[in-house]
Amino acid sequence: MKASRRQFVIYSASSVAALAAAGKVAAQPAVLQETDAQAVALGYKADATKVDKAKYAKYQAGQVCSNCNFYKDTGNNMGTCTVIPNKLVAGHGWCNLWVKKAG
């Protein structure tokens, strides 16, 4: 079977797009678990409503990762945190280093 130039271009473009998408999936950082050493050290909770208010008196209702200065949203209520590199944190999470987002 002789392939046309048009078929070659279409298949090539599809292959490149598939490889690019696969690369993005593979590059996705892991989700920070509350049991990770960094999370424990920072008092991180994936659900801010479960923060131990006696242990973390600094915590105030409404403080969540998504309104923290260190958080950058990546979609699906997850984001990156400059304090915790190479991990995703929950947008509705909280840690002891929470700082109100400027602006």
Protein backbone atom coordinates (compact mmCIF):
# COMPACT_ATOMS: atom_id res chain seq x y z
CA MET A 1 0.00 0.00 0.00
CA LYS A 2 1.41 3.36 -1.00
CA ALA A 3 0.82 6.14 1.55
CA SER A 4 0.15 9.64 0.38
CA ARG A 5 1.94 12.71 1.68
CA ARG A 6 -1.32 13.89 3.24
CA GLN A 7 -1.67 10.64 5.23
CA PHE A 8 1.96 10.88 6.34
CA VAL A 9 1.44 14.44 7.62
CA ILE A 10 -1.77 13.51 9.43
CA TYR A 11 -0.24 10.45 11.10
CA SER A 12 2.94 12.34 11.98
CA ALA A 13 1.01 15.20 13.57
CA SER A 14 -1.15 12.75 15.52
CA SER A 15 1.92 10.90 16.76
CA VAL A 16 3.65 14.09 17.87
CA ALA A 17 0.51 15.25 19.71
CA ALA A 18 0.18 11.87 21.45
CA LEU A 19 3.83 11.92 22.52
CA ALA A 20 3.50 15.48 23.83
CA ALA A 21 0.41 14.53 25.84
CA ALA A 22 2.17 11.46 27.23
CA GLY A 23 5.10 13.63 28.28
CA LYS A 24 2.80 15.99 30.17
CA VAL A 25 1.18 13.09 32.01
CA ALA A 26 4.54 11.62 32.93
CA ALA A 27 5.80 15.01 34.14
CA GLN A 28 2.84 15.55 36.48
CA PRO A 29 4.15 15.82 40.06
CA ALA A 30 2.91 13.49 42.76
CA VAL A 31 0.19 14.55 45.18
CA LEU A 32 1.45 15.44 48.64
CA GLN A 33 0.19 12.95 51.21
CA GLU A 34 -0.48 14.04 54.81
CA THR A 35 1.91 11.31 55.94
CA ASP A 36 4.87 12.62 53.87
CA ALA A 37 7.69 13.99 56.03
CA GLN A 38 7.28 17.50 54.56
CA ALA A 39 3.55 17.45 55.19
CA VAL A 40 3.98 16.35 58.80
CA ALA A 41 6.64 19.02 59.41
CA LEU A 42 4.35 21.73 58.00
CA GLY A 43 1.14 20.51 59.63
CA TYR A 44 -0.38 20.03 56.15
CA LYS A 45 -3.95 18.81 55.89
CA ALA A 46 -5.55 18.13 52.51
CA ASP A 47 -8.83 19.37 54.01
CA ALA A 48 -8.40 22.60 55.98
CA THR A 49 -11.52 21.91 58.04
CA LYS A 50 -9.63 19.02 59.67
CA VAL A 51 -6.76 21.19 61.03
CA ASP A 52 -6.14 20.66 64.75
CA LYS A 53 -6.94 24.19 65.97
CA ALA A 54 -5.42 23.47 69.39
CA LYS A 55 -2.09 22.49 67.83
CA TYR A 56 -2.14 25.19 65.12
CA ALA A 57 -3.60 28.28 66.78
CA LYS A 58 -2.56 30.34 63.73
CA TYR A 59 -5.23 28.61 61.62
CA GLN A 60 -8.35 30.65 60.88
CA ALA A 61 -11.44 29.43 59.04
CA GLY A 62 -11.23 30.35 55.36
CA GLN A 63 -7.46 29.90 55.12
CA VAL A 64 -6.86 27.35 52.37
CA CYS A 65 -4.02 26.64 49.97
CA SER A 66 -5.91 28.19 47.05
CA ASN A 67 -5.83 31.62 48.73
CA CYS A 68 -2.22 31.29 49.93
CA ASN A 69 0.58 33.34 48.42
CA PHE A 70 2.68 30.21 47.73
CA TYR A 71 -0.02 28.36 45.77
CA LYS A 72 -0.42 28.21 41.98
CA ASP A 73 -3.54 26.52 40.64
CA THR A 74 -3.04 23.71 38.11
CA GLY A 75 -6.71 22.73 37.77
CA ASN A 76 -9.02 20.18 39.41
CA ASN A 77 -8.63 21.98 42.77
CA MET A 78 -4.95 21.02 42.91
CA GLY A 79 -1.89 23.19 42.62
CA THR A 80 1.80 23.59 43.18
CA CYS A 81 3.33 25.19 46.24
CA THR A 82 6.68 26.98 46.18
CA VAL A 83 7.36 25.70 49.72
CA ILE A 84 6.81 22.05 48.73
CA PRO A 85 8.53 21.50 45.37
CA ASN A 86 7.59 18.66 43.01
CA LYS A 87 4.32 17.89 44.78
CA LEU A 88 0.72 18.90 44.19
CA VAL A 89 -1.33 20.15 47.12
CA ALA A 90 -5.08 20.32 47.53
CA GLY A 91 -6.62 23.73 46.89
CA HIS A 92 -8.79 23.25 49.97
CA GLY A 93 -5.80 22.14 52.06
CA TRP A 94 -3.77 24.12 54.62
CA CYS A 95 -0.32 24.18 56.20
CA ASN A 96 1.33 26.17 58.97
CA LEU A 97 3.16 28.41 56.47
CA TRP A 98 -0.07 29.82 54.99
CA VAL A 99 0.30 33.46 53.89
CA LYS A 100 -2.55 35.51 52.48
CA LYS A 101 -2.32 35.89 48.70
CA ALA A 102 -1.37 39.42 47.69
CA GLY A 103 -3.80 41.37 45.61
